[in-house]
Amino acid sequence: MRTKQTIAVLGATGKMGSAIAKSLSKGNYRILLFSRDNTKLGRLKRELRNAVPQADVVSVDCSYNACWEADVIIAAVPYSAEKEVADTIREVANQKIVISVANPVNNNGDALLTPLNTSAAEELQKLLPNSKVIKAFNTMFAADFNQPEIDGKQVDAFIAGNDDDALEIVRDLVQTAGFNPVIAGDLSLSRVLEHMQLLLIRLSIKHNYNRLAGWKILHH
């Protein structure tokens, strides 16, 4: 049994950040919440405490301090903000797991901003060369965290990264959040995962899924 881990959620009051924080607050973790919007942060903390009274949740007013204390850092921020986040936390993220949630989708939702030979996660790894960057929580919508089973099937959540131990730790986080974790491979597979979410976004718009949709691998 692993020691209780501390998870820092950066961008905690965004749609994805709050969804992740709410789902992980049910597990045996200490959750550090960071956001620049103190009003929303206080509201989120109250919501988590009301939903899970025993939750170990703390709001932090500095991302540097949150990451210094954390074992795992979840960058639940847009792709455009990843460089600023990396510049702020680089020193305290040394040898720590940093989860890249971002999908580098343009404003129209019809293309990725990254070239085909890279991904948001790989770009974050370049910015944080001494961290263990893992791609996770990007192949679903925020609404899926409230309903990780669709049509009676548990939504698959894909993970990619270069460190086997880090992948297993993130696998546990994904499972706690209610999804079926699928380790796709090394960090280069995050290119595929980000394109998968682009497709899901386009299909959601076309078929009016209301952002409640996910991927499922069916096999024997």
C-alpha atoms as a PDB file:
ATOM      1  CA  MET A   1       0.000   0.000   0.000  1.00  0.00           C
ATOM      2  CA  ARG A   2       1.432   3.362  -1.049  1.00  0.00           C
ATOM      3  CA  THR A   3       1.937   6.227   1.395  1.00  0.00           C
ATOM      4  CA  LYS A   4      -0.733   8.919   1.156  1.00  0.00           C
ATOM      5  CA  GLN A   5       0.267  11.153  -1.724  1.00  0.00           C
ATOM      6  CA  THR A   6      -0.099  14.891  -2.100  1.00  0.00           C
ATOM      7  CA  ILE A   7      -1.592  16.052  -5.389  1.00  0.00           C
ATOM      8  CA  ALA A   8      -1.356  19.676  -6.556  1.00  0.00           C
ATOM      9  CA  VAL A   9      -4.058  20.720  -9.016  1.00  0.00           C
ATOM     10  CA  LEU A  10      -3.044  23.861 -10.905  1.00  0.00           C
ATOM     11  CA  GLY A  11      -5.940  25.608 -12.594  1.00  0.00           C
ATOM     12  CA  ALA A  12      -8.258  24.014 -10.055  1.00  0.00           C
ATOM     13  CA  THR A  13     -11.252  26.262 -10.764  1.00  0.00           C
ATOM     14  CA  GLY A  14     -11.368  25.565 -14.506  1.00  0.00           C
ATOM     15  CA  LYS A  15     -13.843  23.002 -15.832  1.00  0.00           C
ATOM     16  CA  MET A  16     -11.296  20.208 -16.070  1.00  0.00           C
ATOM     17  CA  GLY A  17      -9.340  21.194 -12.964  1.00  0.00           C
ATOM     18  CA  SER A  18     -12.426  21.259 -10.741  1.00  0.00           C
ATOM     19  CA  ALA A  19     -13.701  17.983 -12.218  1.00  0.00           C
ATOM     20  CA  ILE A  20     -10.378  16.285 -11.492  1.00  0.00           C
ATOM     21  CA  ALA A  21     -10.178  17.747  -7.988  1.00  0.00           C
ATOM     22  CA  LYS A  22     -13.708  16.626  -7.142  1.00  0.00           C
ATOM     23  CA  SER A  23     -13.104  13.091  -8.379  1.00  0.00           C
ATOM     24  CA  LEU A  24      -9.755  12.681  -6.598  1.00  0.00           C
ATOM     25  CA  SER A  25     -11.047  14.114  -3.316  1.00  0.00           C
ATOM     26  CA  LYS A  26     -12.854  10.797  -2.850  1.00  0.00           C
ATOM     27  CA  GLY A  27      -9.528   8.951  -2.734  1.00  0.00           C
ATOM     28  CA  ASN A  28      -6.780   8.663  -0.138  1.00  0.00           C
ATOM     29  CA  TYR A  29      -4.942  11.795  -1.271  1.00  0.00           C
ATOM     30  CA  ARG A  30      -4.089  15.210   0.077  1.00  0.00           C
ATOM     31  CA  ILE A  31      -5.324  17.678  -2.546  1.00  0.00           C
ATOM     32  CA  LEU A  32      -3.724  21.107  -2.907  1.00  0.00           C
ATOM     33  CA  LEU A  33      -5.861  23.464  -4.982  1.00  0.00           C
ATOM     34  CA  PHE A  34      -4.365  26.442  -6.800  1.00  0.00           C
ATOM     35  CA  SER A  35      -6.157  29.057  -8.881  1.00  0.00           C
ATOM     36  CA  ARG A  36      -5.734  32.773  -9.450  1.00  0.00           C
ATOM     37  CA  ASP A  37      -9.456  33.253  -8.795  1.00  0.00           C
ATOM     38  CA  ASN A  38      -9.686  33.204  -4.996  1.00  0.00           C
ATOM     39  CA  THR A  39     -13.478  33.547  -4.981  1.00  0.00           C
ATOM     40  CA  LYS A  40     -13.970  30.473  -7.172  1.00  0.00           C
ATOM     41  CA  LEU A  41     -11.272  28.643  -5.226  1.00  0.00           C
ATOM     42  CA  GLY A  42     -13.077  29.178  -1.928  1.00  0.00           C
ATOM     43  CA  ARG A  43     -16.348  28.033  -3.499  1.00  0.00           C
ATOM     44  CA  LEU A  44     -14.693  24.887  -4.896  1.00  0.00           C
ATOM     45  CA  LYS A  45     -13.154  24.026  -1.551  1.00  0.00           C
ATOM     46  CA  ARG A  46     -16.570  24.320   0.160  1.00  0.00           C
ATOM     47  CA  GLU A  47     -18.171  22.144  -2.533  1.00  0.00           C
ATOM     48  CA  LEU A  48     -15.553  19.443  -2.035  1.00  0.00           C
ATOM     49  CA  ARG A  49     -15.901  19.502   1.739  1.00  0.00           C
ATOM     50  CA  ASN A  50     -19.692  19.329   1.495  1.00  0.00           C
ATOM     51  CA  ALA A  51     -19.570  16.423  -0.967  1.00  0.00           C
ATOM     52  CA  VAL A  52     -16.812  14.516   0.852  1.00  0.00           C
ATOM     53  CA  PRO A  53     -16.571  15.724   4.498  1.00  0.00           C
ATOM     54  CA  GLN A  54     -13.475  13.620   5.158  1.00  0.00           C
ATOM     55  CA  ALA A  55     -11.632  14.984   2.108  1.00  0.00           C
ATOM     56  CA  ASP A  56      -8.115  16.274   2.789  1.00  0.00           C
ATOM     57  CA  VAL A  57      -8.348  19.431   0.667  1.00  0.00           C
ATOM     58  CA  VAL A  58      -6.325  22.627   1.047  1.00  0.00           C
ATOM     59  CA  SER A  59      -6.392  25.818  -1.015  1.00  0.00           C
ATOM     60  CA  VAL A  60      -2.973  27.336  -1.735  1.00  0.00           C
ATOM     61  CA  ASP A  61      -2.296  30.884  -2.894  1.00  0.00           C
ATOM     62  CA  CYS A  62       0.968  30.128  -4.716  1.00  0.00           C
ATOM     63  CA  SER A  63       1.571  27.501  -7.415  1.00  0.00           C
ATOM     64  CA  TYR A  64       5.264  27.315  -6.508  1.00  0.00           C
ATOM     65  CA  ASN A  65       4.473  26.402  -2.899  1.00  0.00           C
ATOM     66  CA  ALA A  66       1.793  23.912  -3.956  1.00  0.00           C
ATOM     67  CA  CYS A  67       4.208  22.123  -6.265  1.00  0.00           C
ATOM     68  CA  TRP A  68       7.014  22.206  -3.710  1.00  0.00           C
ATOM     69  CA  GLU A  69       4.834  20.194  -1.327  1.00  0.00           C
ATOM     70  CA  ALA A  70       3.238  17.899  -3.936  1.00  0.00           C
ATOM     71  CA  ASP A  71       4.242  14.421  -5.050  1.00  0.00           C
ATOM     72  CA  VAL A  72       2.182  14.742  -8.232  1.00  0.00           C
ATOM     73  CA  ILE A  73       1.408  17.970 -10.095  1.00  0.00           C
ATOM     74  CA  ILE A  74      -1.634  18.150 -12.366  1.00  0.00           C
ATOM     75  CA  ALA A  75      -1.343  20.982 -14.882  1.00  0.00           C
ATOM     76  CA  ALA A  76      -5.055  21.466 -15.600  1.00  0.00           C
ATOM     77  CA  VAL A  77      -4.351  24.571 -17.662  1.00  0.00           C
ATOM     78  CA  PRO A  78      -4.770  25.460 -21.345  1.00  0.00           C
ATOM     79  CA  TYR A  79      -1.937  24.679 -23.736  1.00  0.00           C
ATOM     80  CA  SER A  80      -1.237  28.406 -24.046  1.00  0.00           C
ATOM     81  CA  ALA A  81      -0.488  28.591 -20.309  1.00  0.00           C
ATOM     82  CA  GLU A  82       1.845  25.599 -20.050  1.00  0.00           C
ATOM     83  CA  LYS A  83       5.061  27.574 -20.636  1.00  0.00           C
ATOM     84  CA  GLU A  84       4.226  30.089 -17.927  1.00  0.00           C
ATOM     85  CA  VAL A  85       3.389  27.271 -15.524  1.00  0.00           C
ATOM     86  CA  ALA A  86       6.605  25.423 -16.378  1.00  0.00           C
ATOM     87  CA  ASP A  87       8.702  28.545 -15.839  1.00  0.00           C
ATOM     88  CA  THR A  88       7.119  29.011 -12.400  1.00  0.00           C
ATOM     89  CA  ILE A  89       7.384  25.448 -11.102  1.00  0.00           C
ATOM     90  CA  ARG A  90      10.531  24.139 -12.843  1.00  0.00           C
ATOM     91  CA  GLU A  91      12.709  24.200  -9.744  1.00  0.00           C
ATOM     92  CA  VAL A  92      10.177  22.499  -7.465  1.00  0.00           C
ATOM     93  CA  ALA A  93       8.987  19.985 -10.078  1.00  0.00           C
ATOM     94  CA  ASN A  94      12.393  18.324 -10.266  1.00  0.00           C
ATOM     95  CA  GLN A  95      11.972  14.512 -10.487  1.00  0.00           C
ATOM     96  CA  LYS A  96       8.239  14.834  -9.778  1.00  0.00           C
ATOM     97  CA  ILE A  97       5.322  13.587 -11.855  1.00  0.00           C
ATOM     98  CA  VAL A  98       3.686  16.352 -13.865  1.00  0.00           C
ATOM     99  CA  ILE A  99       0.435  15.440 -15.619  1.00  0.00           C
ATOM    100  CA  SER A 100      -0.285  17.223 -18.885  1.00  0.00           C
ATOM    101  CA  VAL A 101      -4.052  17.561 -19.321  1.00  0.00           C
ATOM    102  CA  ALA A 102      -4.051  20.138 -22.116  1.00  0.00           C
ATOM    103  CA  ASN A 103      -5.250  19.556 -25.652  1.00  0.00           C
ATOM    104  CA  PRO A 104      -3.712  22.140 -28.031  1.00  0.00           C
ATOM    105  CA  VAL A 105      -6.962  22.747 -29.919  1.00  0.00           C
ATOM    106  CA  ASN A 106      -7.512  26.009 -31.797  1.00  0.00           C
ATOM    107  CA  ASN A 107     -10.384  28.379 -31.021  1.00  0.00           C
ATOM    108  CA  ASN A 108     -12.578  26.864 -33.743  1.00  0.00           C
ATOM    109  CA  GLY A 109     -12.148  23.359 -32.323  1.00  0.00           C
ATOM    110  CA  ASP A 110     -11.194  21.966 -35.731  1.00  0.00           C
ATOM    111  CA  ALA A 111      -7.386  21.640 -35.603  1.00  0.00           C
ATOM    112  CA  LEU A 112      -4.431  21.260 -33.263  1.00  0.00           C
ATOM    113  CA  LEU A 113      -1.925  24.047 -32.751  1.00  0.00           C
ATOM    114  CA  THR A 114       1.035  21.674 -32.478  1.00  0.00           C
ATOM    115  CA  PRO A 115       2.930  20.195 -35.473  1.00  0.00           C
ATOM    116  CA  LEU A 116       2.394  16.509 -36.247  1.00  0.00           C
ATOM    117  CA  ASN A 117       5.820  15.569 -34.838  1.00  0.00           C
ATOM    118  CA  THR A 118       5.101  16.757 -31.303  1.00  0.00           C
ATOM    119  CA  SER A 119       2.353  17.251 -28.700  1.00  0.00           C
ATOM    120  CA  ALA A 120       1.464  19.486 -25.783  1.00  0.00           C
ATOM    121  CA  ALA A 121       2.836  16.852 -23.405  1.00  0.00           C
ATOM    122  CA  GLU A 122       6.135  16.531 -25.255  1.00  0.00           C
ATOM    123  CA  GLU A 123       6.499  20.295 -25.352  1.00  0.00           C
ATOM    124  CA  LEU A 124       5.900  20.399 -21.593  1.00  0.00           C
ATOM    125  CA  GLN A 125       8.557  17.705 -21.117  1.00  0.00           C
ATOM    126  CA  LYS A 126      11.049  19.907 -22.980  1.00  0.00           C
ATOM    127  CA  LEU A 127      10.168  22.783 -20.659  1.00  0.00           C
ATOM    128  CA  LEU A 128      10.529  20.514 -17.602  1.00  0.00           C
ATOM    129  CA  PRO A 129      13.453  18.254 -18.568  1.00  0.00           C
ATOM    130  CA  ASN A 130      13.961  16.938 -15.027  1.00  0.00           C
ATOM    131  CA  SER A 131      10.303  16.085 -14.411  1.00  0.00           C
ATOM    132  CA  LYS A 132       8.353  12.947 -15.295  1.00  0.00           C
ATOM    133  CA  VAL A 133       5.684  14.286 -17.627  1.00  0.00           C
ATOM    134  CA  ILE A 134       2.675  12.006 -18.129  1.00  0.00           C
ATOM    135  CA  LYS A 135      -0.247  12.557 -20.496  1.00  0.00           C
ATOM    136  CA  ALA A 136      -3.579  11.811 -18.818  1.00  0.00           C
ATOM    137  CA  PHE A 137      -7.140  13.085 -18.378  1.00  0.00           C
ATOM    138  CA  ASN A 138      -7.169  14.573 -21.897  1.00  0.00           C
ATOM    139  CA  THR A 139      -9.310  12.046 -23.788  1.00  0.00           C
ATOM    140  CA  MET A 140     -12.574  12.903 -22.065  1.00  0.00           C
ATOM    141  CA  PHE A 141     -14.738  15.906 -21.252  1.00  0.00           C
ATOM    142  CA  ALA A 142     -15.159  17.498 -17.821  1.00  0.00           C
ATOM    143  CA  ALA A 143     -18.792  16.286 -17.755  1.00  0.00           C
ATOM    144  CA  ASP A 144     -17.582  12.678 -17.962  1.00  0.00           C
ATOM    145  CA  PHE A 145     -16.157  12.916 -14.432  1.00  0.00           C
ATOM    146  CA  ASN A 146     -19.696  13.132 -13.084  1.00  0.00           C
ATOM    147  CA  GLN A 147     -20.728  10.170 -15.218  1.00  0.00           C
ATOM    148  CA  PRO A 148     -17.719   7.958 -16.050  1.00  0.00           C
ATOM    149  CA  GLU A 149     -20.081   5.203 -17.189  1.00  0.00           C
ATOM    150  CA  ILE A 150     -21.953   5.852 -20.426  1.00  0.00           C
ATOM    151  CA  ASP A 151     -24.551   3.411 -21.746  1.00  0.00           C
ATOM    152  CA  GLY A 152     -23.488   0.962 -19.043  1.00  0.00           C
ATOM    153  CA  LYS A 153     -19.808   1.016 -20.067  1.00  0.00           C
ATOM    154  CA  GLN A 154     -16.941   2.519 -18.100  1.00  0.00           C
ATOM    155  CA  VAL A 155     -15.132   5.167 -20.131  1.00  0.00           C
ATOM    156  CA  ASP A 156     -11.521   4.350 -20.980  1.00  0.00           C
ATOM    157  CA  ALA A 157      -8.896   6.923 -20.001  1.00  0.00           C
ATOM    158  CA  PHE A 158      -5.611   6.743 -21.872  1.00  0.00           C
ATOM    159  CA  ILE A 159      -2.208   7.438 -20.345  1.00  0.00           C
ATOM    160  CA  ALA A 160       1.193   7.949 -21.982  1.00  0.00           C
ATOM    161  CA  GLY A 161       4.629   8.513 -20.504  1.00  0.00           C
ATOM    162  CA  ASN A 162       8.253   7.404 -20.379  1.00  0.00           C
ATOM    163  CA  ASP A 163       8.564   6.409 -16.709  1.00  0.00           C
ATOM    164  CA  ASP A 164       6.992   3.076 -15.731  1.00  0.00           C
ATOM    165  CA  ASP A 165       6.645   3.878 -12.017  1.00  0.00           C
ATOM    166  CA  ALA A 166       5.051   7.248 -12.807  1.00  0.00           C
ATOM    167  CA  LEU A 167       2.619   5.576 -15.202  1.00  0.00           C
ATOM    168  CA  GLU A 168       1.470   3.213 -12.452  1.00  0.00           C
ATOM    169  CA  ILE A 169       0.915   6.068 -10.004  1.00  0.00           C
ATOM    170  CA  VAL A 170      -1.130   7.996 -12.579  1.00  0.00           C
ATOM    171  CA  ARG A 171      -2.993   4.794 -13.421  1.00  0.00           C
ATOM    172  CA  ASP A 172      -4.197   4.708  -9.804  1.00  0.00           C
ATOM    173  CA  LEU A 173      -5.304   8.346 -10.029  1.00  0.00           C
ATOM    174  CA  VAL A 174      -7.308   7.650 -13.172  1.00  0.00           C
ATOM    175  CA  GLN A 175      -8.930   4.645 -11.533  1.00  0.00           C
ATOM    176  CA  THR A 176      -9.833   6.700  -8.452  1.00  0.00           C
ATOM    177  CA  ALA A 177     -11.472   9.240 -10.763  1.00  0.00           C
ATOM    178  CA  GLY A 178     -13.807   6.472 -11.947  1.00  0.00           C
ATOM    179  CA  PHE A 179     -12.342   5.662 -15.368  1.00  0.00           C
ATOM    180  CA  ASN A 180     -10.790   2.524 -16.796  1.00  0.00           C
ATOM    181  CA  PRO A 181      -7.069   3.320 -17.179  1.00  0.00           C
ATOM    182  CA  VAL A 182      -5.329   2.225 -20.378  1.00  0.00           C
ATOM    183  CA  ILE A 183      -1.581   2.763 -20.628  1.00  0.00           C
ATOM    184  CA  ALA A 184      -1.034   3.555 -24.312  1.00  0.00           C
ATOM    185  CA  GLY A 185       2.769   3.697 -24.360  1.00  0.00           C
ATOM    186  CA  ASP A 186       5.571   6.239 -24.188  1.00  0.00           C
ATOM    187  CA  LEU A 187       5.106   9.988 -24.248  1.00  0.00           C
ATOM    188  CA  SER A 188       5.177  10.171 -28.062  1.00  0.00           C
ATOM    189  CA  LEU A 189       1.771   8.432 -28.003  1.00  0.00           C
ATOM    190  CA  SER A 190       0.344  11.646 -26.534  1.00  0.00           C
ATOM    191  CA  ARG A 191       0.241  12.941 -30.127  1.00  0.00           C
ATOM    192  CA  VAL A 192      -2.351  10.276 -30.869  1.00  0.00           C
ATOM    193  CA  LEU A 193      -4.247  10.936 -27.640  1.00  0.00           C
ATOM    194  CA  GLU A 194      -4.498  14.654 -28.377  1.00  0.00           C
ATOM    195  CA  HIS A 195      -5.767  13.915 -31.881  1.00  0.00           C
ATOM    196  CA  MET A 196      -8.299  11.495 -30.371  1.00  0.00           C
ATOM    197  CA  GLN A 197      -9.737  14.285 -28.265  1.00  0.00           C
ATOM    198  CA  LEU A 198      -9.825  16.631 -31.252  1.00  0.00           C
ATOM    199  CA  LEU A 199     -11.940  14.021 -33.047  1.00  0.00           C
ATOM    200  CA  LEU A 200     -14.196  13.618 -30.010  1.00  0.00           C
ATOM    201  CA  ILE A 201     -14.694  17.393 -29.817  1.00  0.00           C
ATOM    202  CA  ARG A 202     -15.636  17.571 -33.503  1.00  0.00           C
ATOM    203  CA  LEU A 203     -18.010  14.611 -33.196  1.00  0.00           C
ATOM    204  CA  SER A 204     -19.563  16.127 -30.076  1.00  0.00           C
ATOM    205  CA  ILE A 205     -20.277  19.341 -31.956  1.00  0.00           C
ATOM    206  CA  LYS A 206     -21.603  17.548 -35.030  1.00  0.00           C
ATOM    207  CA  HIS A 207     -23.850  15.084 -33.190  1.00  0.00           C
ATOM    208  CA  ASN A 208     -24.725  17.199 -30.147  1.00  0.00           C
ATOM    209  CA  TYR A 209     -23.218  14.886 -27.527  1.00  0.00           C
ATOM    210  CA  ASN A 210     -23.362  17.795 -25.050  1.00  0.00           C
ATOM    211  CA  ARG A 211     -19.764  17.016 -24.116  1.00  0.00           C
ATOM    212  CA  LEU A 212     -20.790  13.766 -22.453  1.00  0.00           C
ATOM    213  CA  ALA A 213     -18.892  11.247 -24.545  1.00  0.00           C
ATOM    214  CA  GLY A 214     -15.808   9.081 -24.258  1.00  0.00           C
ATOM    215  CA  TRP A 215     -13.741   6.303 -25.780  1.00  0.00           C
ATOM    216  CA  LYS A 216     -14.130   2.579 -25.151  1.00  0.00           C
ATOM    217  CA  ILE A 217     -11.980  -0.252 -26.514  1.00  0.00           C
ATOM    218  CA  LEU A 218     -14.031  -3.412 -26.935  1.00  0.00           C
ATOM    219  CA  HIS A 219     -12.047  -6.640 -26.988  1.00  0.00           C
ATOM    220  CA  HIS A 220     -12.046 -10.288 -25.904  1.00  0.00           C
END
